[in-house]
Amino acid sequence: MLGDPVRGLVRPANKSAEFAGASRPGDLVLTGALHASLPVTENMSVHAEFAHIGGITAAFTS
């Protein structure tokens, strides 16, 4: 995000018109990860807490 989360949206928005056309109301824009990726293995569980909205747990099984 380079110090400003808007930067993660401005470049894709500008490029979308160049490659795929303008975005429309209701379109979902994914700007990328806010954290480094985490390697997971079978039977591993990962929990994340988010301020003001709660948490989520993912369990990886075969």
N, C-alpha and C. Protein backbone atom coordinates (compact mmCIF):
# COMPACT_ATOMS: atom_id res chain seq x y z
N MET A 1 0.81 -1.19 0.00
CA MET A 1 0.00 0.00 0.00
C MET A 1 0.86 1.26 0.00
N LEU A 2 2.12 1.09 0.28
CA LEU A 2 3.06 2.21 0.21
C LEU A 2 2.62 3.42 1.01
N GLY A 3 2.05 3.18 2.20
CA GLY A 3 1.68 4.26 3.08
C GLY A 3 0.28 4.82 2.86
N ASP A 4 -0.40 4.41 1.81
CA ASP A 4 -1.73 4.93 1.54
C ASP A 4 -2.55 3.86 0.83
N PRO A 5 -3.62 3.35 1.47
CA PRO A 5 -4.40 2.27 0.85
C PRO A 5 -5.05 2.66 -0.48
N VAL A 6 -5.24 3.94 -0.72
CA VAL A 6 -5.84 4.37 -1.99
C VAL A 6 -4.91 4.03 -3.15
N ARG A 7 -3.62 4.02 -2.91
CA ARG A 7 -2.67 3.69 -3.98
C ARG A 7 -2.90 2.29 -4.53
N GLY A 8 -3.36 1.38 -3.68
CA GLY A 8 -3.63 0.02 -4.11
C GLY A 8 -4.85 -0.07 -5.02
N LEU A 9 -5.63 0.98 -5.10
CA LEU A 9 -6.82 1.00 -5.94
C LEU A 9 -6.66 1.88 -7.18
N VAL A 10 -5.88 2.95 -7.05
CA VAL A 10 -5.76 3.91 -8.15
C VAL A 10 -5.13 3.29 -9.40
N ARG A 11 -4.03 2.60 -9.24
CA ARG A 11 -3.36 2.03 -10.42
C ARG A 11 -4.23 1.00 -11.13
N PRO A 12 -4.83 0.02 -10.40
CA PRO A 12 -5.71 -0.91 -11.11
C PRO A 12 -6.90 -0.22 -11.78
N ALA A 13 -7.44 0.81 -11.15
CA ALA A 13 -8.56 1.53 -11.75
C ALA A 13 -8.13 2.22 -13.04
N ASN A 14 -6.97 2.83 -13.01
CA ASN A 14 -6.47 3.49 -14.22
C ASN A 14 -6.16 2.49 -15.32
N LYS A 15 -5.58 1.36 -14.96
CA LYS A 15 -5.22 0.35 -15.95
C LYS A 15 -6.43 -0.40 -16.48
N SER A 16 -7.50 -0.52 -15.69
CA SER A 16 -8.66 -1.28 -16.15
C SER A 16 -9.27 -0.66 -17.41
N ALA A 17 -9.29 0.65 -17.48
CA ALA A 17 -9.83 1.30 -18.68
C ALA A 17 -8.96 0.98 -19.89
N GLU A 18 -7.67 0.85 -19.66
CA GLU A 18 -6.72 0.56 -20.74
C GLU A 18 -6.89 -0.86 -21.27
N PHE A 19 -7.14 -1.83 -20.38
CA PHE A 19 -7.15 -3.23 -20.77
C PHE A 19 -8.54 -3.86 -20.86
N ALA A 20 -9.42 -3.53 -19.94
CA ALA A 20 -10.69 -4.26 -19.87
C ALA A 20 -11.91 -3.35 -19.89
N GLY A 21 -11.72 -2.10 -20.02
CA GLY A 21 -12.86 -1.18 -19.97
C GLY A 21 -13.09 -0.66 -18.57
N ALA A 22 -13.93 0.32 -18.45
CA ALA A 22 -14.18 0.96 -17.16
C ALA A 22 -14.92 0.02 -16.21
N SER A 23 -14.68 0.20 -14.94
CA SER A 23 -15.43 -0.58 -13.95
C SER A 23 -16.84 0.00 -13.84
N ARG A 24 -17.74 -0.85 -13.36
CA ARG A 24 -19.14 -0.45 -13.23
C ARG A 24 -19.55 -0.50 -11.77
N PRO A 25 -20.59 0.21 -11.38
CA PRO A 25 -21.07 0.12 -10.00
C PRO A 25 -21.35 -1.33 -9.63
N GLY A 26 -20.88 -1.72 -8.47
CA GLY A 26 -21.08 -3.09 -8.01
C GLY A 26 -19.93 -4.01 -8.33
N ASP A 27 -18.99 -3.59 -9.20
CA ASP A 27 -17.82 -4.42 -9.49
C ASP A 27 -16.97 -4.58 -8.25
N LEU A 28 -16.40 -5.75 -8.07
CA LEU A 28 -15.49 -6.02 -6.96
C LEU A 28 -14.07 -5.82 -7.44
N VAL A 29 -13.30 -5.01 -6.71
CA VAL A 29 -11.92 -4.74 -7.07
C VAL A 29 -11.03 -5.32 -5.98
N LEU A 30 -10.18 -6.27 -6.37
CA LEU A 30 -9.22 -6.87 -5.45
C LEU A 30 -7.86 -6.24 -5.71
N THR A 31 -7.33 -5.57 -4.71
CA THR A 31 -6.08 -4.84 -4.91
C THR A 31 -4.85 -5.64 -4.52
N GLY A 32 -5.03 -6.82 -4.03
CA GLY A 32 -3.88 -7.65 -3.67
C GLY A 32 -3.80 -7.88 -2.17
N ALA A 33 -2.84 -8.66 -1.79
CA ALA A 33 -2.68 -9.03 -0.39
C ALA A 33 -2.15 -7.88 0.44
N LEU A 34 -2.58 -7.83 1.68
CA LEU A 34 -2.07 -6.83 2.62
C LEU A 34 -1.01 -7.44 3.53
N HIS A 35 -0.73 -8.72 3.31
CA HIS A 35 0.23 -9.44 4.15
C HIS A 35 0.96 -10.43 3.26
N ALA A 36 2.14 -10.79 3.65
CA ALA A 36 2.90 -11.80 2.91
C ALA A 36 2.16 -13.13 2.95
N SER A 37 2.35 -13.94 1.93
CA SER A 37 1.70 -15.25 1.91
C SER A 37 2.28 -16.15 3.00
N LEU A 38 1.49 -17.10 3.41
CA LEU A 38 1.86 -18.00 4.48
C LEU A 38 1.76 -19.43 3.96
N PRO A 39 2.86 -20.19 3.98
CA PRO A 39 2.76 -21.58 3.52
C PRO A 39 1.90 -22.40 4.49
N VAL A 40 1.05 -23.24 3.95
CA VAL A 40 0.21 -24.09 4.79
C VAL A 40 0.47 -25.55 4.46
N THR A 41 0.19 -26.39 5.42
CA THR A 41 0.36 -27.83 5.24
C THR A 41 -0.93 -28.53 5.66
N GLU A 42 -1.03 -29.80 5.29
CA GLU A 42 -2.19 -30.59 5.65
C GLU A 42 -2.37 -30.59 7.17
N ASN A 43 -3.62 -30.49 7.60
CA ASN A 43 -3.99 -30.49 9.02
C ASN A 43 -3.56 -29.23 9.77
N MET A 44 -3.22 -28.20 9.04
CA MET A 44 -2.85 -26.93 9.65
C MET A 44 -4.11 -26.06 9.75
N SER A 45 -4.17 -25.25 10.78
CA SER A 45 -5.27 -24.33 10.95
C SER A 45 -4.70 -22.93 11.16
N VAL A 46 -5.32 -21.94 10.54
CA VAL A 46 -4.84 -20.55 10.61
C VAL A 46 -6.00 -19.68 11.07
N HIS A 47 -5.74 -18.81 12.02
CA HIS A 47 -6.78 -17.92 12.54
C HIS A 47 -6.32 -16.47 12.36
N ALA A 48 -7.23 -15.62 11.91
CA ALA A 48 -6.93 -14.20 11.75
C ALA A 48 -8.00 -13.39 12.48
N GLU A 49 -7.57 -12.36 13.19
CA GLU A 49 -8.47 -11.44 13.89
C GLU A 49 -8.42 -10.09 13.20
N PHE A 50 -9.58 -9.50 12.99
CA PHE A 50 -9.68 -8.19 12.35
C PHE A 50 -10.35 -7.22 13.30
N ALA A 51 -9.72 -6.10 13.54
CA ALA A 51 -10.25 -5.10 14.47
C ALA A 51 -11.66 -4.71 14.07
N HIS A 52 -12.52 -4.65 15.03
CA HIS A 52 -13.90 -4.18 14.89
C HIS A 52 -14.84 -5.12 14.14
N ILE A 53 -14.34 -6.20 13.50
CA ILE A 53 -15.26 -7.08 12.78
C ILE A 53 -15.15 -8.55 13.19
N GLY A 54 -14.14 -8.91 13.97
CA GLY A 54 -14.04 -10.29 14.43
C GLY A 54 -12.95 -11.09 13.76
N GLY A 55 -13.09 -12.41 13.80
CA GLY A 55 -12.04 -13.27 13.28
C GLY A 55 -12.57 -14.36 12.37
N ILE A 56 -11.62 -15.08 11.78
CA ILE A 56 -11.96 -16.20 10.90
C ILE A 56 -10.86 -17.26 11.06
N THR A 57 -11.25 -18.51 10.95
CA THR A 57 -10.30 -19.62 11.03
C THR A 57 -10.46 -20.47 9.77
N ALA A 58 -9.33 -20.87 9.20
CA ALA A 58 -9.31 -21.77 8.05
C ALA A 58 -8.57 -23.03 8.45
N ALA A 59 -9.16 -24.19 8.16
CA ALA A 59 -8.54 -25.49 8.45
C ALA A 59 -8.23 -26.17 7.12
N PHE A 60 -7.01 -26.64 6.98
CA PHE A 60 -6.55 -27.26 5.73
C PHE A 60 -6.45 -28.76 5.93
N THR A 61 -7.30 -29.51 5.22
CA THR A 61 -7.35 -30.97 5.32
C THR A 61 -7.22 -31.57 3.93
N SER A 62 -6.98 -32.87 3.90
CA SER A 62 -6.88 -33.53 2.59
C SER A 62 -8.23 -33.92 2.07
